[in-house]
Protein backbone atom coordinates (compact mmCIF):
# COMPACT_ATOMS: atom_id res chain seq x y z
CA UNK A 1 77.77 78.06 129.66
CA UNK A 2 77.31 76.84 126.10
CA UNK A 3 78.03 79.43 123.50
CA UNK A 4 77.10 78.46 119.70
CA UNK A 5 78.20 80.04 116.65
CA UNK A 6 75.15 81.08 114.63
CA UNK A 7 75.00 79.27 111.24
CA UNK A 8 75.34 80.91 107.98
CA UNK A 9 72.30 80.92 105.71
CA UNK A 10 72.61 79.83 102.02
CA UNK A 11 69.40 79.89 99.78
CA UNK A 12 66.68 78.18 101.60
CA UNK A 13 68.67 76.24 104.21
CA UNK A 14 71.52 77.12 106.80
CA UNK A 15 74.86 75.83 106.22
CA UNK A 16 76.20 73.16 108.75
CA UNK A 17 77.56 74.17 111.95
CA UNK A 18 80.95 72.58 111.05
CA UNK A 19 81.18 74.48 107.73
CA UNK A 20 80.06 77.76 109.32
CA UNK A 21 82.86 77.35 111.86
CA UNK A 22 85.51 76.64 109.21
CA UNK A 23 84.25 79.62 107.23
CA UNK A 24 84.34 82.00 110.20
CA UNK A 25 87.86 80.92 111.21
CA UNK A 26 89.25 81.95 107.93
CA UNK A 27 91.43 84.98 107.91
CA UNK A 28 92.19 87.25 104.83
CA UNK A 29 95.57 86.23 103.03
CA UNK A 30 95.29 82.53 104.28
CA UNK A 31 95.85 79.86 101.69
CA UNK A 32 92.90 77.85 100.85
CA UNK A 33 92.00 74.82 98.94
CA UNK A 34 88.55 74.35 97.72
CA UNK A 35 87.24 71.13 96.15
CA UNK A 36 83.70 71.34 94.74
CA UNK A 37 81.90 68.41 92.91
CA UNK A 38 80.97 69.14 89.21
CA UNK A 39 78.15 67.26 87.75
CA UNK A 40 77.17 67.08 84.03
CA UNK A 41 74.28 64.59 83.25
CA UNK A 42 75.25 61.46 85.10
CA UNK A 43 78.97 61.99 85.35
CA UNK A 44 80.43 63.86 88.48
CA UNK A 45 84.19 64.69 89.22
CA UNK A 46 85.89 66.97 91.86
CA UNK A 47 87.35 70.31 90.66
CA UNK A 48 90.03 71.58 93.07
CA UNK A 49 91.43 75.03 93.22
CA UNK A 50 94.00 76.90 95.60
CA UNK A 51 94.13 80.51 96.36
CA UNK A 52 94.42 83.32 98.80
CA UNK A 53 91.19 83.77 101.01
CA UNK A 54 89.60 87.18 100.85
CA UNK A 55 86.28 87.17 102.24
CA UNK A 56 82.80 85.41 102.83
CA UNK A 57 79.96 87.26 101.29
CA UNK A 58 76.49 86.52 99.79
CA UNK A 59 75.37 86.52 96.23
CA UNK A 60 71.85 87.34 95.38
CA UNK A 61 71.07 85.80 92.06
CA UNK A 62 67.98 87.85 91.15
CA UNK A 63 66.16 84.59 90.20
CA UNK A 64 63.16 85.70 91.79
CA UNK A 65 63.07 89.39 91.18
CA UNK A 66 60.16 89.49 88.98
CA UNK A 67 58.11 87.91 91.89
CA UNK A 68 58.48 88.98 95.47
CA UNK A 69 62.25 90.11 96.48
CA UNK A 70 61.91 88.20 99.66
CA UNK A 71 62.21 84.89 97.48
CA UNK A 72 65.56 85.86 95.83
CA UNK A 73 68.06 82.92 95.97
CA UNK A 74 70.85 83.93 98.17
CA UNK A 75 74.00 81.92 98.25
CA UNK A 76 77.12 82.14 100.58
CA UNK A 77 80.20 82.78 98.56
CA UNK A 78 83.97 82.52 99.34
CA UNK A 79 86.09 84.93 97.64
CA UNK A 80 89.66 84.20 97.02
CA UNK A 81 92.50 85.13 94.38
CA UNK A 82 94.18 82.49 92.28
CA UNK A 83 97.89 82.94 91.16
CA UNK A 84 98.20 83.77 87.49
CA UNK A 85 99.93 81.20 85.73
């Protein structure tokens, strides 16, 4: 029997099965490091942050609320706490 983990949806496409599995395996209180690519104009660089995982949730941006509510952009978000410095 082959049981697959359903993928998470983010905006108009599903997250990859690999990323979905990583996100679903995270436990509250676990230390995580997130690397995000930041792009401004033609330049791009990594932004790295570490913290304590809290939850995976969804952010509804409200970009399309003046049209049809089903068209809202929905983004999967990772919630975590950073240490104060």
